Amino acid sequence: KEHNLQDKIEVWIDGGIRRGTDIFKALALGAKAVGIGRPFLYGLAAYGQPGVEHVIDIFKTELRMAMKHMGCPTVNHITRSMAITKNLSDHFAGQASDSLSLSTYSPLKLAPSRL
């Protein structure tokens, strides 16, 4: 929002959504939508369509509860100030190096320049 891009691009969060509070935080940080894949797959694998429907009910209940706790009667009332971002860097896990590619493959040698 500080660069006035909210009307030019949409942010969708796809991955890491496990609770209704995750949806609330994503919306507070400016996301227009979230992708919820793995929880639906768990519900589908365990109980079929009723399992997926139950997962949807859980997410809706948790999101509504978070909204009530924050005083938001509708999704439009969720604001960025409702998400604490000052310690966000503490919540990122480092990415493991790809030891297979580092120890197995030789780097590609560039052809000599023709210039």
C-alpha atoms as a PDB file:
ATOM      1  CA  LYS A   1       0.000   0.000   0.000  1.00  0.00           C
ATOM      2  CA  GLU A   2       2.877   2.390   0.654  1.00  0.00           C
ATOM      3  CA  HIS A   3       3.650   2.343  -3.100  1.00  0.00           C
ATOM      4  CA  ASN A   4      -0.042   2.542  -4.163  1.00  0.00           C
ATOM      5  CA  LEU A   5       0.064  -0.839  -5.898  1.00  0.00           C
ATOM      6  CA  GLN A   6      -2.965  -2.384  -4.197  1.00  0.00           C
ATOM      7  CA  ASP A   7      -5.184  -1.582  -7.198  1.00  0.00           C
ATOM      8  CA  LYS A   8      -2.610  -2.781  -9.745  1.00  0.00           C
ATOM      9  CA  ILE A   9      -1.613  -6.199  -8.408  1.00  0.00           C
ATOM     10  CA  GLU A  10      -3.174  -8.889  -6.269  1.00  0.00           C
ATOM     11  CA  VAL A  11      -1.260 -10.866  -3.676  1.00  0.00           C
ATOM     12  CA  TRP A  12      -2.287 -14.464  -3.150  1.00  0.00           C
ATOM     13  CA  ILE A  13      -0.689 -16.581  -0.434  1.00  0.00           C
ATOM     14  CA  ASP A  14      -0.304 -20.181  -1.519  1.00  0.00           C
ATOM     15  CA  GLY A  15       1.322 -22.377   1.059  1.00  0.00           C
ATOM     16  CA  GLY A  16       1.657 -22.589   4.807  1.00  0.00           C
ATOM     17  CA  ILE A  17      -1.998 -21.955   5.608  1.00  0.00           C
ATOM     18  CA  ARG A  18      -2.915 -24.382   8.384  1.00  0.00           C
ATOM     19  CA  ARG A  19      -5.343 -22.407  10.583  1.00  0.00           C
ATOM     20  CA  GLY A  20      -7.985 -19.733  10.310  1.00  0.00           C
ATOM     21  CA  THR A  21      -5.606 -17.342  12.061  1.00  0.00           C
ATOM     22  CA  ASP A  22      -3.153 -17.850   9.177  1.00  0.00           C
ATOM     23  CA  ILE A  23      -5.887 -16.655   6.810  1.00  0.00           C
ATOM     24  CA  PHE A  24      -6.536 -13.646   9.038  1.00  0.00           C
ATOM     25  CA  LYS A  25      -2.834 -12.708   9.064  1.00  0.00           C
ATOM     26  CA  ALA A  26      -2.554 -13.102   5.285  1.00  0.00           C
ATOM     27  CA  LEU A  27      -5.555 -10.820   4.761  1.00  0.00           C
ATOM     28  CA  ALA A  28      -4.176  -8.296   7.258  1.00  0.00           C
ATOM     29  CA  LEU A  29      -0.909  -8.201   5.320  1.00  0.00           C
ATOM     30  CA  GLY A  30      -2.747  -7.458   2.084  1.00  0.00           C
ATOM     31  CA  ALA A  31      -3.479 -10.818   0.477  1.00  0.00           C
ATOM     32  CA  LYS A  32      -6.622 -10.996  -1.649  1.00  0.00           C
ATOM     33  CA  ALA A  33      -6.785 -14.798  -1.435  1.00  0.00           C
ATOM     34  CA  VAL A  34      -5.090 -17.800   0.148  1.00  0.00           C
ATOM     35  CA  GLY A  35      -4.494 -21.265  -1.226  1.00  0.00           C
ATOM     36  CA  ILE A  36      -5.312 -24.131   1.087  1.00  0.00           C
ATOM     37  CA  GLY A  37      -4.074 -27.361  -0.416  1.00  0.00           C
ATOM     38  CA  ARG A  38      -2.597 -29.773   2.080  1.00  0.00           C
ATOM     39  CA  PRO A  39      -5.343 -29.576   4.744  1.00  0.00           C
ATOM     40  CA  PHE A  40      -7.941 -30.335   2.066  1.00  0.00           C
ATOM     41  CA  LEU A  41      -5.885 -33.298   0.889  1.00  0.00           C
ATOM     42  CA  TYR A  42      -5.684 -34.621   4.446  1.00  0.00           C
ATOM     43  CA  GLY A  43      -9.450 -34.339   4.835  1.00  0.00           C
ATOM     44  CA  LEU A  44     -10.028 -35.953   1.440  1.00  0.00           C
ATOM     45  CA  ALA A  45      -7.636 -38.820   2.118  1.00  0.00           C
ATOM     46  CA  ALA A  46      -9.127 -39.551   5.514  1.00  0.00           C
ATOM     47  CA  TYR A  47     -12.865 -39.059   4.933  1.00  0.00           C
ATOM     48  CA  GLY A  48     -13.533 -38.150   1.313  1.00  0.00           C
ATOM     49  CA  GLN A  49     -15.815 -35.220   0.514  1.00  0.00           C
ATOM     50  CA  PRO A  50     -17.197 -35.018   4.081  1.00  0.00           C
ATOM     51  CA  GLY A  51     -13.604 -34.628   5.284  1.00  0.00           C
ATOM     52  CA  VAL A  52     -12.984 -31.706   2.921  1.00  0.00           C
ATOM     53  CA  GLU A  53     -16.241 -30.079   4.000  1.00  0.00           C
ATOM     54  CA  HIS A  54     -15.221 -30.488   7.649  1.00  0.00           C
ATOM     55  CA  VAL A  55     -11.859 -28.829   6.950  1.00  0.00           C
ATOM     56  CA  ILE A  56     -13.713 -25.892   5.340  1.00  0.00           C
ATOM     57  CA  ASP A  57     -15.944 -25.624   8.429  1.00  0.00           C
ATOM     58  CA  ILE A  58     -12.901 -25.621  10.728  1.00  0.00           C
ATOM     59  CA  PHE A  59     -11.226 -22.836   8.720  1.00  0.00           C
ATOM     60  CA  LYS A  60     -14.421 -20.767   8.683  1.00  0.00           C
ATOM     61  CA  THR A  61     -14.932 -21.193  12.426  1.00  0.00           C
ATOM     62  CA  GLU A  62     -11.321 -20.284  13.235  1.00  0.00           C
ATOM     63  CA  LEU A  63     -11.348 -17.247  10.909  1.00  0.00           C
ATOM     64  CA  ARG A  64     -14.613 -15.999  12.390  1.00  0.00           C
ATOM     65  CA  MET A  65     -13.221 -16.440  15.901  1.00  0.00           C
ATOM     66  CA  ALA A  66     -10.058 -14.475  15.024  1.00  0.00           C
ATOM     67  CA  MET A  67     -12.197 -11.733  13.485  1.00  0.00           C
ATOM     68  CA  LYS A  68     -14.345 -11.548  16.626  1.00  0.00           C
ATOM     69  CA  HIS A  69     -11.282 -11.333  18.853  1.00  0.00           C
ATOM     70  CA  MET A  70      -9.959  -8.462  16.732  1.00  0.00           C
ATOM     71  CA  GLY A  71     -13.314  -6.651  16.518  1.00  0.00           C
ATOM     72  CA  CYS A  72     -13.816  -7.200  12.786  1.00  0.00           C
ATOM     73  CA  PRO A  73     -17.455  -7.697  11.802  1.00  0.00           C
ATOM     74  CA  THR A  74     -16.460  -8.332   8.163  1.00  0.00           C
ATOM     75  CA  VAL A  75     -13.334  -9.241   6.216  1.00  0.00           C
ATOM     76  CA  ASN A  76     -13.227  -5.641   4.939  1.00  0.00           C
ATOM     77  CA  HIS A  77     -12.539  -4.468   8.501  1.00  0.00           C
ATOM     78  CA  ILE A  78      -9.240  -6.415   8.719  1.00  0.00           C
ATOM     79  CA  THR A  79      -6.313  -3.984   8.536  1.00  0.00           C
ATOM     80  CA  ARG A  80      -2.545  -4.251   8.379  1.00  0.00           C
ATOM     81  CA  SER A  81      -2.221  -2.790  11.874  1.00  0.00           C
ATOM     82  CA  MET A  82      -3.744  -6.020  13.221  1.00  0.00           C
ATOM     83  CA  ALA A  83      -0.670  -8.052  12.249  1.00  0.00           C
ATOM     84  CA  ILE A  84       2.579  -7.662  14.153  1.00  0.00           C
ATOM     85  CA  THR A  85       5.377  -7.613  11.593  1.00  0.00           C
ATOM     86  CA  LYS A  86       8.330  -6.269  13.597  1.00  0.00           C
ATOM     87  CA  ASN A  87       9.569  -9.782  14.414  1.00  0.00           C
ATOM     88  CA  LEU A  88       8.640 -11.377  11.092  1.00  0.00           C
ATOM     89  CA  SER A  89      12.260 -12.192  10.256  1.00  0.00           C
ATOM     90  CA  ASP A  90      12.408 -14.446  13.343  1.00  0.00           C
ATOM     91  CA  HIS A  91       9.867 -16.786  11.758  1.00  0.00           C
ATOM     92  CA  PHE A  92      11.668 -17.650   8.540  1.00  0.00           C
ATOM     93  CA  ALA A  93      13.492 -20.940   8.440  1.00  0.00           C
ATOM     94  CA  GLY A  94      16.757 -21.097   6.558  1.00  0.00           C
ATOM     95  CA  GLN A  95      16.772 -23.141   3.415  1.00  0.00           C
ATOM     96  CA  ALA A  96      18.932 -26.226   3.401  1.00  0.00           C
ATOM     97  CA  SER A  97      21.571 -26.383   0.707  1.00  0.00           C
ATOM     98  CA  ASP A  98      21.114 -28.890  -2.080  1.00  0.00           C
ATOM     99  CA  SER A  99      23.994 -31.234  -1.278  1.00  0.00           C
ATOM    100  CA  LEU A 100      23.052 -33.620  -4.089  1.00  0.00           C
ATOM    101  CA  SER A 101      23.613 -31.046  -6.803  1.00  0.00           C
ATOM    102  CA  LEU A 102      26.690 -29.642  -5.059  1.00  0.00           C
ATOM    103  CA  SER A 103      28.456 -32.988  -4.855  1.00  0.00           C
ATOM    104  CA  THR A 104      27.154 -34.763  -7.961  1.00  0.00           C
ATOM    105  CA  TYR A 105      27.118 -32.334 -10.834  1.00  0.00           C
ATOM    106  CA  SER A 106      30.032 -30.452 -12.359  1.00  0.00           C
ATOM    107  CA  PRO A 107      29.462 -26.831 -13.286  1.00  0.00           C
ATOM    108  CA  LEU A 108      28.843 -26.136 -16.954  1.00  0.00           C
ATOM    109  CA  LYS A 109      31.914 -24.740 -18.664  1.00  0.00           C
ATOM    110  CA  LEU A 110      31.210 -21.707 -20.787  1.00  0.00           C
ATOM    111  CA  ALA A 111      32.305 -21.671 -24.400  1.00  0.00           C
ATOM    112  CA  PRO A 112      35.072 -19.198 -25.214  1.00  0.00           C
ATOM    113  CA  SER A 113      33.855 -15.800 -26.257  1.00  0.00           C
ATOM    114  CA  ARG A 114      33.876 -15.076 -30.010  1.00  0.00           C
ATOM    115  CA  LEU A 115      34.215 -11.352 -29.549  1.00  0.00           C
END
